[in-house]
Protein backbone atom coordinates (compact mmCIF):
# COMPACT_ATOMS: atom_id res chain seq x y z
CA UNK A 1 31.36 10.54 -8.41
CA UNK A 2 28.99 12.71 -6.38
CA UNK A 3 26.27 12.80 -9.02
CA UNK A 4 26.31 9.02 -9.50
CA UNK A 5 25.95 8.43 -5.77
CA UNK A 6 23.06 10.91 -5.64
CA UNK A 7 21.37 9.23 -8.60
CA UNK A 8 21.69 5.81 -6.96
CA UNK A 9 20.24 7.09 -3.70
CA UNK A 10 17.34 8.76 -5.48
CA UNK A 11 16.60 5.60 -7.47
CA UNK A 12 16.79 3.43 -4.39
CA UNK A 13 14.28 5.57 -2.50
CA UNK A 14 11.92 6.32 -5.36
CA UNK A 15 8.40 4.90 -5.47
CA UNK A 16 7.84 4.30 -9.18
CA UNK A 17 4.71 5.49 -10.94
CA UNK A 18 4.25 1.98 -12.37
CA UNK A 19 3.73 0.71 -8.81
CA UNK A 20 0.85 3.13 -8.21
CA UNK A 21 -2.83 2.82 -9.00
CA UNK A 22 -3.95 6.09 -10.51
CA UNK A 23 -6.99 5.31 -12.67
CA UNK A 24 -10.38 5.73 -11.03
CA UNK A 25 -11.72 2.58 -12.72
CA UNK A 26 -9.01 0.53 -10.99
CA UNK A 27 -10.00 2.00 -7.61
CA UNK A 28 -13.66 1.21 -8.30
CA UNK A 29 -12.79 -2.37 -9.37
CA UNK A 30 -10.79 -2.90 -6.18
CA UNK A 31 -13.60 -1.64 -3.98
CA UNK A 32 -16.25 -3.61 -5.84
CA UNK A 33 -14.48 -6.93 -6.42
CA UNK A 34 -11.51 -6.93 -4.06
CA UNK A 35 -11.22 -8.96 -0.88
CA UNK A 36 -11.27 -6.63 2.12
CA UNK A 37 -9.15 -7.04 5.23
CA UNK A 38 -9.48 -5.02 8.40
CA UNK A 39 -6.59 -4.17 10.66
CA UNK A 40 -6.64 -2.18 13.85
CA UNK A 41 -5.99 1.07 11.96
CA UNK A 42 -6.13 0.12 8.26
CA UNK A 43 -8.45 -1.40 5.71
CA UNK A 44 -6.79 -3.14 2.75
CA UNK A 45 -8.49 -4.35 -0.42
CA UNK A 46 -6.66 -6.79 -2.68
CA UNK A 47 -7.57 -8.02 -6.16
CA UNK A 48 -5.64 -9.61 -9.04
CA UNK A 49 -4.52 -7.41 -11.91
CA UNK A 50 -3.32 -8.42 -15.37
CA UNK A 51 0.18 -7.06 -14.81
CA UNK A 52 3.47 -8.60 -13.76
CA UNK A 53 3.81 -6.36 -10.69
CA UNK A 54 2.03 -5.40 -7.49
CA UNK A 55 0.51 -1.91 -7.35
CA UNK A 56 -0.59 0.32 -4.49
CA UNK A 57 -3.53 2.67 -4.28
CA UNK A 58 -4.31 5.00 -1.39
CA UNK A 59 -7.78 6.19 -0.44
CA UNK A 60 -7.43 8.87 2.23
CA UNK A 61 -10.58 10.87 2.85
CA UNK A 62 -10.71 14.46 4.07
CA UNK A 63 -12.54 13.16 7.12
CA UNK A 64 -9.30 11.63 8.39
CA UNK A 65 -7.58 14.96 8.99
CA UNK A 66 -5.98 18.05 7.47
CA UNK A 67 -4.02 17.83 4.22
CA UNK A 68 -0.55 17.83 5.77
CA UNK A 69 -1.46 14.87 8.03
CA UNK A 70 -3.01 12.95 5.10
CA UNK A 71 0.09 13.59 2.99
CA UNK A 72 2.42 12.34 5.73
CA UNK A 73 0.30 9.19 6.05
CA UNK A 74 0.48 8.59 2.29
CA UNK A 75 4.26 9.07 2.25
CA UNK A 76 4.62 6.60 5.12
CA UNK A 77 2.47 3.95 3.43
CA UNK A 78 4.24 4.37 0.08
CA UNK A 79 7.64 4.00 1.74
CA UNK A 80 6.57 0.92 3.70
CA UNK A 81 5.11 -0.61 0.52
CA UNK A 82 8.27 0.24 -1.45
CA UNK A 83 10.46 -1.45 1.16
CA UNK A 84 8.32 -4.61 0.99
CA UNK A 85 7.67 -4.65 -2.75
CA UNK A 86 9.94 -7.66 -3.34
CA UNK A 87 7.83 -9.68 -0.86
CA UNK A 88 4.51 -8.95 -2.56
CA UNK A 89 3.01 -11.44 -4.94
CA UNK A 90 3.21 -9.93 -8.47
CA UNK A 91 -0.07 -9.41 -10.28
CA UNK A 92 -2.10 -7.98 -7.40
CA UNK A 93 -3.44 -4.53 -6.63
CA UNK A 94 -3.62 -3.28 -3.05
CA UNK A 95 -5.81 -0.42 -1.89
CA UNK A 96 -5.02 0.97 1.56
CA UNK A 97 -7.44 3.18 3.46
CA UNK A 98 -6.80 4.44 6.99
CA UNK A 99 -9.19 4.38 9.88
CA UNK A 100 -9.20 7.63 11.85
CA UNK A 101 -6.78 6.36 14.52
CA UNK A 102 -4.13 5.64 11.85
CA UNK A 103 -3.42 9.35 11.48
CA UNK A 104 -1.77 9.49 14.90
CA UNK A 105 0.71 6.65 14.21
CA UNK A 106 4.39 7.32 13.63
CA UNK A 107 6.18 5.58 10.76
CA UNK A 108 7.27 2.45 12.66
CA UNK A 109 3.85 1.93 14.26
CA UNK A 110 2.27 2.25 10.82
CA UNK A 111 4.78 -0.27 9.41
CA UNK A 112 3.92 -2.75 12.17
CA UNK A 113 0.18 -2.24 11.55
CA UNK A 114 0.63 -2.66 7.80
CA UNK A 115 2.73 -5.81 8.31
CA UNK A 116 0.16 -7.31 10.70
CA UNK A 117 -2.72 -6.61 8.32
CA UNK A 118 -0.78 -7.98 5.33
CA UNK A 119 0.15 -11.09 7.30
CA UNK A 120 -3.56 -11.71 7.97
CA UNK A 121 -4.35 -11.02 4.32
CA UNK A 122 -1.71 -13.46 3.05
CA UNK A 123 -2.64 -16.22 5.48
CA UNK A 124 -6.32 -15.99 4.52
CA UNK A 125 -5.57 -15.77 0.80
CA UNK A 126 -3.23 -18.79 0.94
CA UNK A 127 -5.96 -20.73 2.72
CA UNK A 128 -8.27 -19.82 -0.20
CA UNK A 129 -5.44 -20.60 -2.68
CA UNK A 130 -5.47 -16.96 -3.86
CA UNK A 131 -1.71 -16.44 -3.56
CA UNK A 132 1.13 -18.67 -4.81
C-alpha cells in the first residue's frame, strides 16, 4: 500500500516533460512570433503550437540573480503552471520570463502575479478571437 500511495503522490506533483518547451527553435519562434504580455513582475509570450496540449518555457537570465534563486523561481512557476494546466487552452506555448523584482516574490505572490498576467492575456486574446 505504501508504494502505491507514494507513486500516486509523485505522479500528482510531477511536471511532465511533454508540458515543457525544451527546443531552442521553439523558444526563438515564441520570441519572434508570439504575443507578448507584461505583468508587474513577469513577461509572458504566447503562440499557438501544433500539439494537443499547452507547454511552458522559462527564460531566466543570469542577470536576475544567483543560480539558487533562479532555480527556486523556475520551480515556483512550473508548479503554478502545473496546478493550472487544466485551465489552459490546449495548443498554445507559453514562455515566462521574470523581471528583476520577481526574484523576491514568495510562491503565493508569484501565483497571484502569474494569474493576473494570464487573466490579462486571456481577455486580450479572446477580444482578438485568439482563444476558444
